[in-house]
Amino acid sequence: MLRVIVVGLGPIGIACARAVRADATQELVGLVDSDPAKIGKPLDDLGVEAALPTEEQVSDTPVVVTDVAQAVQRSAADVAIITTSSRFDRIAATLHECLAHKLAVVSSCEEMAWPSYGHPELAQRVDEEARLAGKAVLGTGVNPGFVMDSLAVMISSSVRRVTSVRCVRRVDAGRRRLPLQAKIGATMAEADFRALAAQNKVGHVGLPESVALIAAGLGRKVEPGSVQVSIDPVIADRPIESLVGLIQPGRVSGMHNIGRWTGDDLSIELDLTMALGLADPKDVIEIHGPVYVRAKISGGLPGDSATVAMLVNYVPVVARARPGLLTMLDVPPAGCRGRDV
């Protein structure tokens, strides 16, 4: 049985901890968060956003929230699930601490989908630390990590030549957790959204990294800074209830994000819309070339529960993976191998 600590106890982290506790193949041995209000609390005393599905509470546990060092000292762990930040540089200190304690890591940090795109020197340093520790470090999730990158690479395996890849993801953010609704600008004025978007303080993180992952999976290299990214607000045409307040007509209900790259006889376009009240949610992957392939997931993958599943399902994968800073191209598909307690 793999012993797991969860670092970062927002809605996703709490759901991961409950999923680990409900899994007969894993044992929850540590909870970590920097919020003083959470220190010393057991998992069942931590709140969960109503929009995020939770696992059944199946057992009592003495595990309480501490820091990483205390979590490891109280009970030797094998793997850390980290859900603290979307930015690779902001998670680096936590990675360093976990590797110092000889923990393998699986993280939802979006920039870790292809960490060398935005932070090549940091990626090299973390890779060296992981190799010295003899442990694997992996960034994954539903997006980035799966539906708009590694799944497209897997589908491309069925053809001999690819000239372009286009992924479209339309997400009804009304079904998502509060922090995500806030991140996509729900209830903002359009001008405020555009100002924050210009400072990279609103919107999705990881689109360039997904482009780089797809390109690498098709034998190309995306140079840092070469992905063209645009972001625009989606404006509500009717009142829409959200977890951050009522969205009035004319206010922002979400965002439309596009990432494009062209090079070496290949073009990649990722088209992501996340908005409340969005009609026809779906995921579409189009592979162009001599043979055209189109795959569609009607309704789209449920982002929150799918992210939790990806993180927990990849715990045994990172536990046995080769040491180093890895991507989804370096590991096999995890599959759903967990069993309820």
C-alpha atoms as a PDB file:
ATOM      1  CA  MET A   1       0.000   0.000   0.000  1.00  0.00           C
ATOM      2  CA  LEU A   2       1.354   3.415  -0.974  1.00  0.00           C
ATOM      3  CA  ARG A   3       1.515   6.050   1.745  1.00  0.00           C
ATOM      4  CA  VAL A   4       0.437   9.481   0.516  1.00  0.00           C
ATOM      5  CA  ILE A   5       0.500  13.053   1.788  1.00  0.00           C
ATOM      6  CA  VAL A   6      -1.557  15.834   0.201  1.00  0.00           C
ATOM      7  CA  VAL A   7      -0.025  19.315   0.075  1.00  0.00           C
ATOM      8  CA  GLY A   8      -2.443  22.199  -0.535  1.00  0.00           C
ATOM      9  CA  LEU A   9      -5.926  21.827   0.876  1.00  0.00           C
ATOM     10  CA  GLY A  10      -8.182  23.854  -1.348  1.00  0.00           C
ATOM     11  CA  PRO A  11     -11.175  22.125  -2.965  1.00  0.00           C
ATOM     12  CA  ILE A  12      -9.013  19.938  -5.248  1.00  0.00           C
ATOM     13  CA  GLY A  13      -6.571  18.989  -2.487  1.00  0.00           C
ATOM     14  CA  ILE A  14      -9.353  18.091  -0.067  1.00  0.00           C
ATOM     15  CA  ALA A  15     -11.072  15.975  -2.709  1.00  0.00           C
ATOM     16  CA  CYS A  16      -7.746  14.235  -3.443  1.00  0.00           C
ATOM     17  CA  ALA A  17      -7.257  13.482   0.249  1.00  0.00           C
ATOM     18  CA  ARG A  18     -10.733  11.975   0.480  1.00  0.00           C
ATOM     19  CA  ALA A  19     -10.142   9.939  -2.671  1.00  0.00           C
ATOM     20  CA  VAL A  20      -6.858   8.597  -1.270  1.00  0.00           C
ATOM     21  CA  ARG A  21      -8.556   7.728   2.007  1.00  0.00           C
ATOM     22  CA  ALA A  22     -11.295   5.871   0.128  1.00  0.00           C
ATOM     23  CA  ASP A  23      -8.802   3.862  -1.961  1.00  0.00           C
ATOM     24  CA  ALA A  24      -7.866   0.419  -0.664  1.00  0.00           C
ATOM     25  CA  THR A  25      -4.485   0.601  -2.441  1.00  0.00           C
ATOM     26  CA  GLN A  26      -3.383   3.892  -0.839  1.00  0.00           C
ATOM     27  CA  GLU A  27      -3.107   5.237   2.694  1.00  0.00           C
ATOM     28  CA  LEU A  28      -3.490   8.897   3.635  1.00  0.00           C
ATOM     29  CA  VAL A  29      -0.685   9.643   6.091  1.00  0.00           C
ATOM     30  CA  GLY A  30      -0.305  13.430   5.898  1.00  0.00           C
ATOM     31  CA  LEU A  31      -2.145  16.693   5.228  1.00  0.00           C
ATOM     32  CA  VAL A  32      -0.214  19.889   4.558  1.00  0.00           C
ATOM     33  CA  ASP A  33      -1.322  23.506   4.185  1.00  0.00           C
ATOM     34  CA  SER A  34       0.157  26.923   4.964  1.00  0.00           C
ATOM     35  CA  ASP A  35      -3.146  28.392   6.206  1.00  0.00           C
ATOM     36  CA  PRO A  36      -2.847  28.812  10.005  1.00  0.00           C
ATOM     37  CA  ALA A  37      -6.615  28.298  10.330  1.00  0.00           C
ATOM     38  CA  LYS A  38      -6.252  24.751   8.976  1.00  0.00           C
ATOM     39  CA  ILE A  39      -3.262  23.633  11.072  1.00  0.00           C
ATOM     40  CA  GLY A  40      -4.163  20.852  13.489  1.00  0.00           C
ATOM     41  CA  LYS A  41      -7.500  20.064  11.841  1.00  0.00           C
ATOM     42  CA  PRO A  42      -8.439  16.579  10.587  1.00  0.00           C
ATOM     43  CA  LEU A  43      -9.690  16.081   7.050  1.00  0.00           C
ATOM     44  CA  ASP A  44     -13.366  15.913   8.033  1.00  0.00           C
ATOM     45  CA  ASP A  45     -13.168  19.412   9.541  1.00  0.00           C
ATOM     46  CA  LEU A  46     -11.983  20.983   6.276  1.00  0.00           C
ATOM     47  CA  GLY A  47     -14.619  22.608   4.065  1.00  0.00           C
ATOM     48  CA  VAL A  48     -15.314  21.680   0.455  1.00  0.00           C
ATOM     49  CA  GLU A  49     -16.920  23.876  -2.201  1.00  0.00           C
ATOM     50  CA  ALA A  50     -20.425  22.667  -2.979  1.00  0.00           C
ATOM     51  CA  ALA A  51     -19.614  22.517  -6.709  1.00  0.00           C
ATOM     52  CA  LEU A  52     -16.894  19.899  -6.211  1.00  0.00           C
ATOM     53  CA  PRO A  53     -17.919  16.234  -5.863  1.00  0.00           C
ATOM     54  CA  THR A  54     -16.396  14.532  -2.818  1.00  0.00           C
ATOM     55  CA  GLU A  55     -15.544  10.955  -2.002  1.00  0.00           C
ATOM     56  CA  GLU A  56     -17.488   9.078   0.625  1.00  0.00           C
ATOM     57  CA  GLN A  57     -16.042   9.507   4.093  1.00  0.00           C
ATOM     58  CA  VAL A  58     -15.188   5.926   4.879  1.00  0.00           C
ATOM     59  CA  SER A  59     -13.037   5.956   7.985  1.00  0.00           C
ATOM     60  CA  ASP A  60     -11.879   7.979  10.938  1.00  0.00           C
ATOM     61  CA  THR A  61      -8.247   9.069  10.855  1.00  0.00           C
ATOM     62  CA  PRO A  62      -5.902  10.827  13.275  1.00  0.00           C
ATOM     63  CA  VAL A  63      -4.160  12.602  10.404  1.00  0.00           C
ATOM     64  CA  VAL A  64      -4.246  16.375  10.912  1.00  0.00           C
ATOM     65  CA  VAL A  65      -2.931  19.336   8.938  1.00  0.00           C
ATOM     66  CA  THR A  66       0.773  20.127   9.523  1.00  0.00           C
ATOM     67  CA  ASP A  67       3.778  21.229   7.483  1.00  0.00           C
ATOM     68  CA  VAL A  68       5.659  18.886   5.136  1.00  0.00           C
ATOM     69  CA  ALA A  69       8.412  18.007   7.625  1.00  0.00           C
ATOM     70  CA  GLN A  70       5.960  17.074  10.373  1.00  0.00           C
ATOM     71  CA  ALA A  71       3.794  15.097   7.959  1.00  0.00           C
ATOM     72  CA  VAL A  72       6.791  12.995   6.915  1.00  0.00           C
ATOM     73  CA  GLN A  73       8.196  12.611  10.425  1.00  0.00           C
ATOM     74  CA  ARG A  74       4.891  11.368  11.807  1.00  0.00           C
ATOM     75  CA  SER A  75       4.647   8.615   9.218  1.00  0.00           C
ATOM     76  CA  ALA A  76       7.067   7.810   6.398  1.00  0.00           C
ATOM     77  CA  ALA A  77       5.389   8.598   3.085  1.00  0.00           C
ATOM     78  CA  ASP A  78       6.010   7.432  -0.469  1.00  0.00           C
ATOM     79  CA  VAL A  79       4.255  10.056  -2.615  1.00  0.00           C
ATOM     80  CA  ALA A  80       3.144  13.668  -2.260  1.00  0.00           C
ATOM     81  CA  ILE A  81       0.167  15.049  -4.184  1.00  0.00           C
ATOM     82  CA  ILE A  82       0.726  18.806  -4.525  1.00  0.00           C
ATOM     83  CA  THR A  83      -2.147  21.147  -5.435  1.00  0.00           C
ATOM     84  CA  THR A  84      -0.847  24.523  -4.270  1.00  0.00           C
ATOM     85  CA  SER A  85      -0.119  26.698  -7.329  1.00  0.00           C
ATOM     86  CA  SER A  86      -0.474  26.901 -11.105  1.00  0.00           C
ATOM     87  CA  ARG A  87       3.011  28.440 -11.409  1.00  0.00           C
ATOM     88  CA  PHE A  88       6.119  26.267 -11.519  1.00  0.00           C
ATOM     89  CA  ASP A  89       8.389  28.816  -9.828  1.00  0.00           C
ATOM     90  CA  ARG A  90       5.947  29.177  -6.929  1.00  0.00           C
ATOM     91  CA  ILE A  91       5.870  25.440  -6.291  1.00  0.00           C
ATOM     92  CA  ALA A  92       9.642  24.924  -6.542  1.00  0.00           C
ATOM     93  CA  ALA A  93      10.327  25.270  -2.798  1.00  0.00           C
ATOM     94  CA  THR A  94       7.677  22.651  -1.996  1.00  0.00           C
ATOM     95  CA  LEU A  95       9.152  20.298  -4.604  1.00  0.00           C
ATOM     96  CA  HIS A  96      12.596  20.791  -3.082  1.00  0.00           C
ATOM     97  CA  GLU A  97      11.294  19.962   0.405  1.00  0.00           C
ATOM     98  CA  CYS A  98       9.433  16.858  -0.760  1.00  0.00           C
ATOM     99  CA  LEU A  99      12.461  15.572  -2.670  1.00  0.00           C
ATOM    100  CA  ALA A 100      14.653  16.210   0.374  1.00  0.00           C
ATOM    101  CA  HIS A 101      12.362  13.789   2.222  1.00  0.00           C
ATOM    102  CA  LYS A 102      12.625  11.255  -0.649  1.00  0.00           C
ATOM    103  CA  LEU A 103       9.042  11.622  -1.801  1.00  0.00           C
ATOM    104  CA  ALA A 104       7.877  11.070  -5.358  1.00  0.00           C
ATOM    105  CA  VAL A 105       5.558  13.862  -6.482  1.00  0.00           C
ATOM    106  CA  VAL A 106       2.466  14.205  -8.648  1.00  0.00           C
ATOM    107  CA  SER A 107       1.180  17.763  -8.983  1.00  0.00           C
ATOM    108  CA  SER A 108      -1.689  19.680 -10.576  1.00  0.00           C
ATOM    109  CA  CYS A 109       0.631  22.661 -11.224  1.00  0.00           C
ATOM    110  CA  GLU A 110      -0.346  23.627 -14.776  1.00  0.00           C
ATOM    111  CA  GLU A 111       3.071  24.930 -15.835  1.00  0.00           C
ATOM    112  CA  MET A 112       4.579  21.552 -14.912  1.00  0.00           C
ATOM    113  CA  ALA A 113       2.803  19.981 -17.900  1.00  0.00           C
ATOM    114  CA  TRP A 114       5.866  21.084 -19.866  1.00  0.00           C
ATOM    115  CA  PRO A 115       8.025  22.911 -17.298  1.00  0.00           C
ATOM    116  CA  SER A 116      10.930  23.744 -19.583  1.00  0.00           C
ATOM    117  CA  TYR A 117       8.736  25.995 -21.747  1.00  0.00           C
ATOM    118  CA  GLY A 118       8.477  28.823 -19.244  1.00  0.00           C
ATOM    119  CA  HIS A 119      11.261  27.897 -16.813  1.00  0.00           C
ATOM    120  CA  PRO A 120      14.062  25.963 -18.533  1.00  0.00           C
ATOM    121  CA  GLU A 121      16.716  26.589 -15.857  1.00  0.00           C
ATOM    122  CA  LEU A 122      14.378  25.739 -12.994  1.00  0.00           C
ATOM    123  CA  ALA A 123      13.249  22.609 -14.829  1.00  0.00           C
ATOM    124  CA  GLN A 124      16.852  21.474 -15.159  1.00  0.00           C
ATOM    125  CA  ARG A 125      17.498  22.098 -11.467  1.00  0.00           C
ATOM    126  CA  VAL A 126      14.396  20.212 -10.308  1.00  0.00           C
ATOM    127  CA  ASP A 127      15.232  17.356 -12.681  1.00  0.00           C
ATOM    128  CA  GLU A 128      18.704  17.119 -11.130  1.00  0.00           C
ATOM    129  CA  GLU A 129      17.266  17.182  -7.599  1.00  0.00           C
ATOM    130  CA  ALA A 130      14.775  14.456  -8.472  1.00  0.00           C
ATOM    131  CA  ARG A 131      17.469  12.265  -9.986  1.00  0.00           C
ATOM    132  CA  LEU A 132      19.677  12.694  -6.911  1.00  0.00           C
ATOM    133  CA  ALA A 133      16.715  11.807  -4.690  1.00  0.00           C
ATOM    134  CA  GLY A 134      15.923   8.806  -6.878  1.00  0.00           C
ATOM    135  CA  LYS A 135      12.309   9.941  -7.258  1.00  0.00           C
ATOM    136  CA  ALA A 136       9.942  10.978 -10.054  1.00  0.00           C
ATOM    137  CA  VAL A 137       8.174  14.343 -10.246  1.00  0.00           C
ATOM    138  CA  LEU A 138       5.169  14.651 -12.589  1.00  0.00           C
ATOM    139  CA  GLY A 139       2.760  17.432 -13.482  1.00  0.00           C
ATOM    140  CA  THR A 140      -0.643  16.251 -14.651  1.00  0.00           C
ATOM    141  CA  GLY A 141      -4.363  16.915 -14.532  1.00  0.00           C
ATOM    142  CA  VAL A 142      -7.276  17.022 -16.925  1.00  0.00           C
ATOM    143  CA  ASN A 143      -6.124  20.238 -18.650  1.00  0.00           C
ATOM    144  CA  PRO A 144      -3.178  20.515 -18.961  1.00  0.00           C
ATOM    145  CA  GLY A 145      -2.178  16.888 -18.680  1.00  0.00           C
ATOM    146  CA  PHE A 146      -4.777  15.023 -20.663  1.00  0.00           C
ATOM    147  CA  VAL A 147      -7.673  16.253 -22.776  1.00  0.00           C
ATOM    148  CA  MET A 148      -5.936  19.051 -24.730  1.00  0.00           C
ATOM    149  CA  ASP A 149      -2.465  17.512 -24.981  1.00  0.00           C
ATOM    150  CA  SER A 150      -1.536  13.921 -24.099  1.00  0.00           C
ATOM    151  CA  LEU A 151      -4.839  12.522 -25.391  1.00  0.00           C
ATOM    152  CA  ALA A 152      -4.212  14.260 -28.726  1.00  0.00           C
ATOM    153  CA  VAL A 153      -0.744  12.711 -28.889  1.00  0.00           C
ATOM    154  CA  MET A 154      -2.192   9.275 -28.181  1.00  0.00           C
ATOM    155  CA  ILE A 155      -4.830   9.670 -30.900  1.00  0.00           C
ATOM    156  CA  SER A 156      -2.131  10.761 -33.375  1.00  0.00           C
ATOM    157  CA  SER A 157      -0.505   7.368 -32.913  1.00  0.00           C
ATOM    158  CA  SER A 158      -3.197   5.959 -35.195  1.00  0.00           C
ATOM    159  CA  VAL A 159      -1.974   7.836 -38.293  1.00  0.00           C
ATOM    160  CA  ARG A 160       1.323   8.013 -40.178  1.00  0.00           C
ATOM    161  CA  ARG A 161       1.590  11.767 -40.732  1.00  0.00           C
ATOM    162  CA  VAL A 162       0.105  14.841 -39.045  1.00  0.00           C
ATOM    163  CA  THR A 163       0.009  18.348 -40.503  1.00  0.00           C
ATOM    164  CA  SER A 164      -2.082  20.027 -37.829  1.00  0.00           C
ATOM    165  CA  VAL A 165      -3.718  19.410 -34.474  1.00  0.00           C
ATOM    166  CA  ARG A 166      -6.699  21.350 -33.177  1.00  0.00           C
ATOM    167  CA  CYS A 167      -8.240  20.831 -29.767  1.00  0.00           C
ATOM    168  CA  VAL A 168     -11.452  22.543 -28.695  1.00  0.00           C
ATOM    169  CA  ARG A 169     -12.646  22.483 -25.099  1.00  0.00           C
ATOM    170  CA  ARG A 170     -15.896  24.154 -24.054  1.00  0.00           C
ATOM    171  CA  VAL A 171     -16.513  24.071 -20.305  1.00  0.00           C
ATOM    172  CA  ASP A 172     -19.675  25.103 -18.462  1.00  0.00           C
ATOM    173  CA  ALA A 173     -17.958  26.717 -15.479  1.00  0.00           C
ATOM    174  CA  GLY A 174     -21.234  26.737 -13.574  1.00  0.00           C
ATOM    175  CA  ARG A 175     -20.411  23.141 -12.671  1.00  0.00           C
ATOM    176  CA  ARG A 176     -16.958  24.009 -11.374  1.00  0.00           C
ATOM    177  CA  ARG A 177     -15.536  25.076  -8.015  1.00  0.00           C
ATOM    178  CA  LEU A 178     -15.547  28.670  -6.727  1.00  0.00           C
ATOM    179  CA  PRO A 179     -11.799  29.370  -7.192  1.00  0.00           C
ATOM    180  CA  LEU A 180     -12.043  28.459 -10.876  1.00  0.00           C
ATOM    181  CA  GLN A 181     -15.091  30.664 -11.397  1.00  0.00           C
ATOM    182  CA  ALA A 182     -13.155  33.548  -9.854  1.00  0.00           C
ATOM    183  CA  LYS A 183     -10.062  32.755 -11.944  1.00  0.00           C
ATOM    184  CA  ILE A 184     -11.975  33.076 -15.211  1.00  0.00           C
ATOM    185  CA  GLY A 185     -13.318  36.492 -14.219  1.00  0.00           C
ATOM    186  CA  ALA A 186     -16.960  35.754 -13.343  1.00  0.00           C
ATOM    187  CA  THR A 187     -18.871  38.961 -12.389  1.00  0.00           C
ATOM    188  CA  MET A 188     -16.043  41.310 -13.526  1.00  0.00           C
ATOM    189  CA  ALA A 189     -16.449  44.342 -15.742  1.00  0.00           C
ATOM    190  CA  GLU A 190     -14.948  43.777 -19.195  1.00  0.00           C
ATOM    191  CA  ALA A 191     -12.322  46.509 -18.715  1.00  0.00           C
ATOM    192  CA  ASP A 192     -11.182  45.011 -15.420  1.00  0.00           C
ATOM    193  CA  PHE A 193     -10.901  41.571 -17.014  1.00  0.00           C
ATOM    194  CA  ARG A 194      -8.758  42.878 -19.863  1.00  0.00           C
ATOM    195  CA  ALA A 195      -6.490  44.773 -17.459  1.00  0.00           C
ATOM    196  CA  LEU A 196      -5.922  41.695 -15.322  1.00  0.00           C
ATOM    197  CA  ALA A 197      -5.471  39.484 -18.383  1.00  0.00           C
ATOM    198  CA  ALA A 198      -2.684  41.786 -19.587  1.00  0.00           C
ATOM    199  CA  GLN A 199      -0.940  41.098 -16.265  1.00  0.00           C
ATOM    200  CA  ASN A 200      -1.547  37.319 -16.444  1.00  0.00           C
ATOM    201  CA  LYS A 201      -3.692  37.569 -13.321  1.00  0.00           C
ATOM    202  CA  VAL A 202      -6.861  36.053 -14.753  1.00  0.00           C
ATOM    203  CA  GLY A 203      -7.628  33.154 -17.054  1.00  0.00           C
ATOM    204  CA  HIS A 204      -6.308  29.674 -17.707  1.00  0.00           C
ATOM    205  CA  VAL A 205      -2.696  28.694 -17.037  1.00  0.00           C
ATOM    206  CA  GLY A 206      -0.889  26.077 -19.109  1.00  0.00           C
ATOM    207  CA  LEU A 207      -2.009  26.547 -22.700  1.00  0.00           C
ATOM    208  CA  PRO A 208       1.548  27.095 -24.049  1.00  0.00           C
ATOM    209  CA  GLU A 209       2.733  24.092 -22.051  1.00  0.00           C
ATOM    210  CA  SER A 210       0.029  21.930 -23.637  1.00  0.00           C
ATOM    211  CA  VAL A 211       1.108  23.113 -27.093  1.00  0.00           C
ATOM    212  CA  ALA A 212       4.719  22.234 -26.281  1.00  0.00           C
ATOM    213  CA  LEU A 213       3.712  18.780 -25.026  1.00  0.00           C
ATOM    214  CA  ILE A 214       1.766  18.012 -28.209  1.00  0.00           C
ATOM    215  CA  ALA A 215       4.627  19.220 -30.390  1.00  0.00           C
ATOM    216  CA  ALA A 216       7.146  17.095 -28.489  1.00  0.00           C
ATOM    217  CA  GLY A 217       4.866  14.087 -28.808  1.00  0.00           C
ATOM    218  CA  LEU A 218       4.923  14.634 -32.575  1.00  0.00           C
ATOM    219  CA  GLY A 219       8.698  15.008 -32.732  1.00  0.00           C
ATOM    220  CA  ARG A 220       8.976  18.805 -32.747  1.00  0.00           C
ATOM    221  CA  LYS A 221      10.321  21.340 -30.279  1.00  0.00           C
ATOM    222  CA  VAL A 222       8.504  24.485 -29.236  1.00  0.00           C
ATOM    223  CA  GLU A 223      10.930  27.204 -28.220  1.00  0.00           C
ATOM    224  CA  PRO A 224      10.098  29.219 -25.073  1.00  0.00           C
ATOM    225  CA  GLY A 225       7.949  32.218 -25.926  1.00  0.00           C
ATOM    226  CA  SER A 226       6.981  30.991 -29.396  1.00  0.00           C
ATOM    227  CA  VAL A 227       3.343  30.090 -28.638  1.00  0.00           C
ATOM    228  CA  GLN A 228       0.938  32.906 -29.499  1.00  0.00           C
ATOM    229  CA  VAL A 229      -1.740  33.240 -26.831  1.00  0.00           C
ATOM    230  CA  SER A 230      -4.893  35.352 -26.879  1.00  0.00           C
ATOM    231  CA  ILE A 231      -7.517  35.746 -24.173  1.00  0.00           C
ATOM    232  CA  ASP A 232     -10.873  37.507 -24.347  1.00  0.00           C
ATOM    233  CA  PRO A 233     -13.814  37.746 -21.969  1.00  0.00           C
ATOM    234  CA  VAL A 234     -17.122  36.004 -22.555  1.00  0.00           C
ATOM    235  CA  ILE A 235     -19.905  38.489 -21.817  1.00  0.00           C
ATOM    236  CA  ALA A 236     -23.183  37.425 -20.231  1.00  0.00           C
ATOM    237  CA  ASP A 237     -26.355  38.168 -22.190  1.00  0.00           C
ATOM    238  CA  ARG A 238     -28.636  37.302 -19.247  1.00  0.00           C
ATOM    239  CA  PRO A 239     -28.402  37.115 -15.441  1.00  0.00           C
ATOM    240  CA  ILE A 240     -26.430  34.023 -14.361  1.00  0.00           C
ATOM    241  CA  GLU A 241     -25.985  32.727 -10.828  1.00  0.00           C
ATOM    242  CA  SER A 242     -22.405  31.898  -9.822  1.00  0.00           C
ATOM    243  CA  LEU A 243     -20.556  30.966  -6.658  1.00  0.00           C
ATOM    244  CA  VAL A 244     -18.934  34.423  -6.648  1.00  0.00           C
ATOM    245  CA  GLY A 245     -22.233  36.311  -7.054  1.00  0.00           C
ATOM    246  CA  LEU A 246     -24.875  37.139  -9.625  1.00  0.00           C
ATOM    247  CA  ILE A 247     -23.475  37.850 -13.086  1.00  0.00           C
ATOM    248  CA  GLN A 248     -25.454  40.691 -14.614  1.00  0.00           C
ATOM    249  CA  PRO A 249     -25.909  41.060 -18.387  1.00  0.00           C
ATOM    250  CA  GLY A 250     -22.898  42.858 -19.834  1.00  0.00           C
ATOM    251  CA  ARG A 251     -20.547  41.507 -17.159  1.00  0.00           C
ATOM    252  CA  VAL A 252     -17.962  38.768 -17.635  1.00  0.00           C
ATOM    253  CA  SER A 253     -19.179  35.175 -17.401  1.00  0.00           C
ATOM    254  CA  GLY A 254     -15.894  33.523 -18.407  1.00  0.00           C
ATOM    255  CA  MET A 255     -13.030  33.556 -20.865  1.00  0.00           C
ATOM    256  CA  HIS A 256     -12.047  32.414 -24.353  1.00  0.00           C
ATOM    257  CA  ASN A 257      -8.386  31.419 -24.588  1.00  0.00           C
ATOM    258  CA  ILE A 258      -6.501  30.397 -27.763  1.00  0.00           C
ATOM    259  CA  GLY A 259      -2.930  29.136 -28.128  1.00  0.00           C
ATOM    260  CA  ARG A 260      -1.297  28.793 -31.565  1.00  0.00           C
ATOM    261  CA  TRP A 261       2.061  27.547 -32.819  1.00  0.00           C
ATOM    262  CA  THR A 262       3.403  26.724 -36.273  1.00  0.00           C
ATOM    263  CA  GLY A 263       6.711  25.129 -37.206  1.00  0.00           C
ATOM    264  CA  ASP A 264       8.374  22.190 -38.949  1.00  0.00           C
ATOM    265  CA  ASP A 265       5.358  21.410 -41.180  1.00  0.00           C
ATOM    266  CA  LEU A 266       3.029  21.264 -38.197  1.00  0.00           C
ATOM    267  CA  SER A 267       0.484  23.677 -36.761  1.00  0.00           C
ATOM    268  CA  ILE A 268      -1.206  23.387 -33.381  1.00  0.00           C
ATOM    269  CA  GLU A 269      -4.241  25.303 -32.159  1.00  0.00           C
ATOM    270  CA  LEU A 270      -5.831  24.948 -28.746  1.00  0.00           C
ATOM    271  CA  ASP A 271      -9.198  26.671 -28.348  1.00  0.00           C
ATOM    272  CA  LEU A 272     -10.503  26.830 -24.777  1.00  0.00           C
ATOM    273  CA  THR A 273     -13.727  28.451 -23.591  1.00  0.00           C
ATOM    274  CA  MET A 274     -14.672  28.342 -19.920  1.00  0.00           C
ATOM    275  CA  ALA A 275     -17.812  30.265 -19.003  1.00  0.00           C
ATOM    276  CA  LEU A 276     -20.894  30.002 -16.834  1.00  0.00           C
ATOM    277  CA  GLY A 277     -24.085  29.153 -18.686  1.00  0.00           C
ATOM    278  CA  LEU A 278     -22.164  27.879 -21.697  1.00  0.00           C
ATOM    279  CA  ALA A 279     -24.230  25.771 -24.072  1.00  0.00           C
ATOM    280  CA  ASP A 280     -22.969  22.531 -25.626  1.00  0.00           C
ATOM    281  CA  PRO A 281     -19.967  21.715 -23.399  1.00  0.00           C
ATOM    282  CA  LYS A 282     -17.634  19.317 -25.200  1.00  0.00           C
ATOM    283  CA  ASP A 283     -14.088  18.257 -25.962  1.00  0.00           C
ATOM    284  CA  VAL A 284     -13.044  17.853 -29.585  1.00  0.00           C
ATOM    285  CA  ILE A 285      -9.696  16.706 -30.972  1.00  0.00           C
ATOM    286  CA  GLU A 286      -8.987  17.022 -34.692  1.00  0.00           C
ATOM    287  CA  ILE A 287      -5.935  15.448 -36.314  1.00  0.00           C
ATOM    288  CA  HIS A 288      -5.312  16.660 -39.883  1.00  0.00           C
ATOM    289  CA  GLY A 289      -3.162  15.005 -42.521  1.00  0.00           C
ATOM    290  CA  PRO A 290      -3.629  12.468 -45.301  1.00  0.00           C
ATOM    291  CA  VAL A 291      -6.081  10.808 -42.895  1.00  0.00           C
ATOM    292  CA  TYR A 292      -8.463  13.060 -40.954  1.00  0.00           C
ATOM    293  CA  VAL A 293      -9.403  11.958 -37.431  1.00  0.00           C
ATOM    294  CA  ARG A 294     -11.956  13.674 -35.207  1.00  0.00           C
ATOM    295  CA  ALA A 295     -12.759  12.611 -31.660  1.00  0.00           C
ATOM    296  CA  LYS A 296     -15.510  14.207 -29.577  1.00  0.00           C
ATOM    297  CA  ILE A 297     -16.468  13.832 -25.925  1.00  0.00           C
ATOM    298  CA  SER A 298     -20.034  15.111 -25.684  1.00  0.00           C
ATOM    299  CA  GLY A 299     -20.569  17.079 -22.502  1.00  0.00           C
ATOM    300  CA  GLY A 300     -16.807  17.324 -22.014  1.00  0.00           C
ATOM    301  CA  LEU A 301     -14.724  15.753 -19.268  1.00  0.00           C
ATOM    302  CA  PRO A 302     -15.810  17.021 -15.816  1.00  0.00           C
ATOM    303  CA  GLY A 303     -12.800  19.117 -14.935  1.00  0.00           C
ATOM    304  CA  ASP A 304     -12.772  18.974 -11.134  1.00  0.00           C
ATOM    305  CA  SER A 305     -13.473  15.275 -10.577  1.00  0.00           C
ATOM    306  CA  ALA A 306     -11.273  14.369 -13.564  1.00  0.00           C
ATOM    307  CA  THR A 307      -8.368  16.378 -12.129  1.00  0.00           C
ATOM    308  CA  VAL A 308      -8.698  14.557  -8.811  1.00  0.00           C
ATOM    309  CA  ALA A 309      -8.850  11.207 -10.603  1.00  0.00           C
ATOM    310  CA  MET A 310      -5.745  11.974 -12.683  1.00  0.00           C
ATOM    311  CA  LEU A 311      -3.738  12.929  -9.605  1.00  0.00           C
ATOM    312  CA  VAL A 312      -4.781   9.950  -7.501  1.00  0.00           C
ATOM    313  CA  ASN A 313      -4.545   7.429 -10.352  1.00  0.00           C
ATOM    314  CA  TYR A 314      -0.993   8.558 -11.126  1.00  0.00           C
ATOM    315  CA  VAL A 315       0.215   8.016  -7.546  1.00  0.00           C
ATOM    316  CA  PRO A 316       1.306   4.403  -8.234  1.00  0.00           C
ATOM    317  CA  VAL A 317       2.772   5.456 -11.598  1.00  0.00           C
ATOM    318  CA  VAL A 318       5.116   8.077 -10.118  1.00  0.00           C
ATOM    319  CA  ALA A 319       5.990   5.739  -7.255  1.00  0.00           C
ATOM    320  CA  ARG A 320       7.610   3.303  -9.701  1.00  0.00           C
ATOM    321  CA  ALA A 321       8.635   5.710 -12.506  1.00  0.00           C
ATOM    322  CA  ARG A 322      12.251   6.487 -13.357  1.00  0.00           C
ATOM    323  CA  PRO A 323      13.739   9.367 -11.337  1.00  0.00           C
ATOM    324  CA  GLY A 324      13.614  12.886 -12.721  1.00  0.00           C
ATOM    325  CA  LEU A 325      11.243  15.684 -13.693  1.00  0.00           C
ATOM    326  CA  LEU A 326       8.826  13.909 -16.032  1.00  0.00           C
ATOM    327  CA  THR A 327       5.906  14.794 -18.295  1.00  0.00           C
ATOM    328  CA  MET A 328       2.957  12.777 -19.488  1.00  0.00           C
ATOM    329  CA  LEU A 329       5.063  11.663 -22.450  1.00  0.00           C
ATOM    330  CA  ASP A 330       7.432   9.862 -20.061  1.00  0.00           C
ATOM    331  CA  VAL A 331       4.903   7.688 -18.230  1.00  0.00           C
ATOM    332  CA  PRO A 332       2.391   5.019 -19.276  1.00  0.00           C
ATOM    333  CA  PRO A 333      -1.364   5.572 -18.990  1.00  0.00           C
ATOM    334  CA  ALA A 334      -2.366   5.131 -15.369  1.00  0.00           C
ATOM    335  CA  GLY A 335      -5.745   3.549 -15.868  1.00  0.00           C
ATOM    336  CA  CYS A 336      -8.303   3.478 -13.088  1.00  0.00           C
ATOM    337  CA  ARG A 337      -6.896   0.792 -10.808  1.00  0.00           C
ATOM    338  CA  GLY A 338      -8.113   2.046  -7.441  1.00  0.00           C
ATOM    339  CA  ARG A 339     -10.445  -0.021  -5.295  1.00  0.00           C
ATOM    340  CA  ASP A 340     -12.800   1.333  -2.647  1.00  0.00           C
ATOM    341  CA  VAL A 341     -12.077   0.484   0.947  1.00  0.00           C
END
